[in-house]
Amino acid sequence: QVQLVESGGGLVQPGGSLRLSCAASGRFLSINNMDWYRQTPGKERELVASITNSGSTNYADSVKGRFTVSRDNAKNTMYLQMNSLKPEDTAVYYCNAVIRTPDFTGYLPWGQGTQVTVSS
């Protein structure tokens, strides 16, 4: 019933920018903390950025100063503004969140993610 859908990925040259979106849909009571992850083949999923209900943020050292996470609670959407992109940022980017429904509270199953490719 409840799902998160990532969008906004694509191909960009080094130094370029992308803005990713994560939109929640379905029946739910609230969205608590929200997270961005990324994963490349053969590597574990890496936490990139997190944001709380109140707007407090945390970032992986590898993206600090280049990425900005934000959320629009009225739209049930989280964003990741990615600037000064590097080839090592290439990955599938996933979002997740603690969702409260009438029957369940917790993280959702992983979705399909959105591919970000940084290459000349």
C-alpha atoms as a PDB file:
ATOM      1  CA  GLN A   1       0.000   0.000   0.000  1.00  0.00           C
ATOM      2  CA  VAL A   2       2.728   2.451   0.962  1.00  0.00           C
ATOM      3  CA  GLN A   3       5.694   2.929  -1.312  1.00  0.00           C
ATOM      4  CA  LEU A   4       8.580   5.275  -1.978  1.00  0.00           C
ATOM      5  CA  VAL A   5       9.515   6.120  -5.558  1.00  0.00           C
ATOM      6  CA  GLU A   6      12.898   7.579  -6.468  1.00  0.00           C
ATOM      7  CA  SER A   7      13.341   9.763  -9.534  1.00  0.00           C
ATOM      8  CA  GLY A   8      15.691  12.322 -11.054  1.00  0.00           C
ATOM      9  CA  GLY A   9      18.705  10.196 -11.896  1.00  0.00           C
ATOM     10  CA  GLY A  10      20.525  10.318 -15.187  1.00  0.00           C
ATOM     11  CA  LEU A  11      23.817  10.849 -16.961  1.00  0.00           C
ATOM     12  CA  VAL A  12      25.859  13.916 -16.043  1.00  0.00           C
ATOM     13  CA  GLN A  13      29.421  15.080 -16.626  1.00  0.00           C
ATOM     14  CA  PRO A  14      31.872  15.495 -13.743  1.00  0.00           C
ATOM     15  CA  GLY A  15      31.210  18.763 -11.957  1.00  0.00           C
ATOM     16  CA  GLY A  16      27.559  18.735 -12.934  1.00  0.00           C
ATOM     17  CA  SER A  17      24.443  18.591 -10.796  1.00  0.00           C
ATOM     18  CA  LEU A  18      21.354  16.459 -10.339  1.00  0.00           C
ATOM     19  CA  ARG A  19      18.353  16.679  -8.062  1.00  0.00           C
ATOM     20  CA  LEU A  20      16.828  13.434  -6.853  1.00  0.00           C
ATOM     21  CA  SER A  21      13.324  13.097  -5.453  1.00  0.00           C
ATOM     22  CA  CYS A  22      11.756  10.495  -3.188  1.00  0.00           C
ATOM     23  CA  ALA A  23       7.967  10.603  -3.067  1.00  0.00           C
ATOM     24  CA  ALA A  24       5.791   8.637  -0.669  1.00  0.00           C
ATOM     25  CA  SER A  25       2.350   7.431  -1.695  1.00  0.00           C
ATOM     26  CA  GLY A  26      -0.389   5.312  -0.193  1.00  0.00           C
ATOM     27  CA  ARG A  27      -2.071   5.327   3.157  1.00  0.00           C
ATOM     28  CA  PHE A  28       0.109   6.291   6.075  1.00  0.00           C
ATOM     29  CA  LEU A  29      -0.125   8.309   9.241  1.00  0.00           C
ATOM     30  CA  SER A  30       3.301   9.902   9.274  1.00  0.00           C
ATOM     31  CA  ILE A  31       6.815   9.804   7.864  1.00  0.00           C
ATOM     32  CA  ASN A  32       9.588  10.057  10.396  1.00  0.00           C
ATOM     33  CA  ASN A  33      13.285   9.968   9.552  1.00  0.00           C
ATOM     34  CA  MET A  34      14.184   9.660   5.858  1.00  0.00           C
ATOM     35  CA  ASP A  35      17.435   8.404   4.358  1.00  0.00           C
ATOM     36  CA  TRP A  36      19.295   8.327   1.045  1.00  0.00           C
ATOM     37  CA  TYR A  37      21.501   5.339   0.230  1.00  0.00           C
ATOM     38  CA  ARG A  38      23.569   4.370  -2.768  1.00  0.00           C
ATOM     39  CA  GLN A  39      24.999   1.109  -4.042  1.00  0.00           C
ATOM     40  CA  THR A  40      27.397   0.002  -6.766  1.00  0.00           C
ATOM     41  CA  PRO A  41      27.815  -3.588  -7.994  1.00  0.00           C
ATOM     42  CA  GLY A  42      29.780  -5.714  -5.557  1.00  0.00           C
ATOM     43  CA  LYS A  43      29.551  -3.224  -2.702  1.00  0.00           C
ATOM     44  CA  GLU A  44      27.241  -2.858   0.253  1.00  0.00           C
ATOM     45  CA  ARG A  45      24.569  -0.230   0.317  1.00  0.00           C
ATOM     46  CA  GLU A  46      26.019   3.003   1.711  1.00  0.00           C
ATOM     47  CA  LEU A  47      24.173   5.605   3.755  1.00  0.00           C
ATOM     48  CA  VAL A  48      24.596   8.955   2.007  1.00  0.00           C
ATOM     49  CA  ALA A  49      22.354  11.391   3.870  1.00  0.00           C
ATOM     50  CA  SER A  50      19.628  11.479   6.499  1.00  0.00           C
ATOM     51  CA  ILE A  51      17.037  13.999   7.576  1.00  0.00           C
ATOM     52  CA  THR A  52      14.727  13.986  10.588  1.00  0.00           C
ATOM     53  CA  ASN A  53      11.201  15.303  10.933  1.00  0.00           C
ATOM     54  CA  SER A  54      12.555  18.550  12.321  1.00  0.00           C
ATOM     55  CA  GLY A  55      15.056  18.987   9.500  1.00  0.00           C
ATOM     56  CA  SER A  56      18.281  17.908  11.175  1.00  0.00           C
ATOM     57  CA  THR A  57      20.657  16.414   8.616  1.00  0.00           C
ATOM     58  CA  ASN A  58      23.680  14.143   8.469  1.00  0.00           C
ATOM     59  CA  TYR A  59      25.965  13.302   5.555  1.00  0.00           C
ATOM     60  CA  ALA A  60      28.600  10.787   4.661  1.00  0.00           C
ATOM     61  CA  ASP A  61      32.052  12.334   4.637  1.00  0.00           C
ATOM     62  CA  SER A  62      32.402  11.567   0.942  1.00  0.00           C
ATOM     63  CA  VAL A  63      29.506  13.870  -0.002  1.00  0.00           C
ATOM     64  CA  LYS A  64      29.651  16.514   2.714  1.00  0.00           C
ATOM     65  CA  GLY A  65      29.718  20.003   1.246  1.00  0.00           C
ATOM     66  CA  ARG A  66      28.481  18.796  -2.148  1.00  0.00           C
ATOM     67  CA  PHE A  67      25.091  17.183  -1.414  1.00  0.00           C
ATOM     68  CA  THR A  68      22.122  18.717   0.372  1.00  0.00           C
ATOM     69  CA  VAL A  69      19.156  16.726   1.649  1.00  0.00           C
ATOM     70  CA  SER A  70      15.808  18.390   2.285  1.00  0.00           C
ATOM     71  CA  ARG A  71      12.166  17.460   2.665  1.00  0.00           C
ATOM     72  CA  ASP A  72       8.756  18.926   1.949  1.00  0.00           C
ATOM     73  CA  ASN A  73       6.397  17.349   4.439  1.00  0.00           C
ATOM     74  CA  ALA A  74       3.319  18.819   2.747  1.00  0.00           C
ATOM     75  CA  LYS A  75       4.263  16.927  -0.428  1.00  0.00           C
ATOM     76  CA  ASN A  76       5.563  13.830   1.388  1.00  0.00           C
ATOM     77  CA  THR A  77       8.750  14.186  -0.612  1.00  0.00           C
ATOM     78  CA  MET A  78      12.463  14.173   0.156  1.00  0.00           C
ATOM     79  CA  TYR A  79      15.112  15.644  -2.132  1.00  0.00           C
ATOM     80  CA  LEU A  80      18.825  15.227  -2.650  1.00  0.00           C
ATOM     81  CA  GLN A  81      20.567  18.098  -4.410  1.00  0.00           C
ATOM     82  CA  MET A  82      23.833  16.766  -5.798  1.00  0.00           C
ATOM     83  CA  ASN A  83      26.445  19.311  -6.901  1.00  0.00           C
ATOM     84  CA  SER A  84      30.056  18.999  -8.023  1.00  0.00           C
ATOM     85  CA  LEU A  85      29.441  15.399  -8.984  1.00  0.00           C
ATOM     86  CA  LYS A  86      32.380  13.026  -9.294  1.00  0.00           C
ATOM     87  CA  PRO A  87      32.704   9.714 -11.153  1.00  0.00           C
ATOM     88  CA  GLU A  88      32.824   7.923  -7.797  1.00  0.00           C
ATOM     89  CA  ASP A  89      29.287   9.174  -7.129  1.00  0.00           C
ATOM     90  CA  THR A  90      28.061   6.797  -9.829  1.00  0.00           C
ATOM     91  CA  ALA A  91      25.601   4.401  -8.205  1.00  0.00           C
ATOM     92  CA  VAL A  92      21.986   3.434  -7.870  1.00  0.00           C
ATOM     93  CA  TYR A  93      20.456   5.769  -5.313  1.00  0.00           C
ATOM     94  CA  TYR A  94      17.726   4.539  -2.985  1.00  0.00           C
ATOM     95  CA  CYS A  95      15.574   6.215  -0.400  1.00  0.00           C
ATOM     96  CA  ASN A  96      13.879   4.799   2.642  1.00  0.00           C
ATOM     97  CA  ALA A  97      11.950   6.118   5.597  1.00  0.00           C
ATOM     98  CA  VAL A  98      10.276   5.131   8.818  1.00  0.00           C
ATOM     99  CA  ILE A  99       6.603   5.019   7.874  1.00  0.00           C
ATOM    100  CA  ARG A 100       3.744   4.766  10.321  1.00  0.00           C
ATOM    101  CA  THR A 101       0.551   3.136   9.058  1.00  0.00           C
ATOM    102  CA  PRO A 102      -2.491   1.915  10.994  1.00  0.00           C
ATOM    103  CA  ASP A 103      -0.912  -1.568  11.063  1.00  0.00           C
ATOM    104  CA  PHE A 104       2.839  -1.042  10.843  1.00  0.00           C
ATOM    105  CA  THR A 105       5.668   1.253  11.828  1.00  0.00           C
ATOM    106  CA  GLY A 106       9.115   0.820  10.349  1.00  0.00           C
ATOM    107  CA  TYR A 107      11.266   0.967   7.234  1.00  0.00           C
ATOM    108  CA  LEU A 108       9.750  -0.039   3.918  1.00  0.00           C
ATOM    109  CA  PRO A 109      11.094  -2.697   1.550  1.00  0.00           C
ATOM    110  CA  TRP A 110      13.739  -1.429  -0.849  1.00  0.00           C
ATOM    111  CA  GLY A 111      12.469  -0.051  -4.131  1.00  0.00           C
ATOM    112  CA  GLN A 112      14.166   0.044  -7.531  1.00  0.00           C
ATOM    113  CA  GLY A 113      16.185   3.197  -6.948  1.00  0.00           C
ATOM    114  CA  THR A 114      17.343   5.662  -9.580  1.00  0.00           C
ATOM    115  CA  GLN A 115      20.590   5.383 -11.532  1.00  0.00           C
ATOM    116  CA  VAL A 116      23.129   8.206 -11.364  1.00  0.00           C
ATOM    117  CA  THR A 117      26.029   8.023 -13.801  1.00  0.00           C
ATOM    118  CA  VAL A 118      28.829  10.598 -13.715  1.00  0.00           C
ATOM    119  CA  SER A 119      31.071  10.310 -16.758  1.00  0.00           C
ATOM    120  CA  SER A 120      32.765  12.445 -19.390  1.00  0.00           C
END
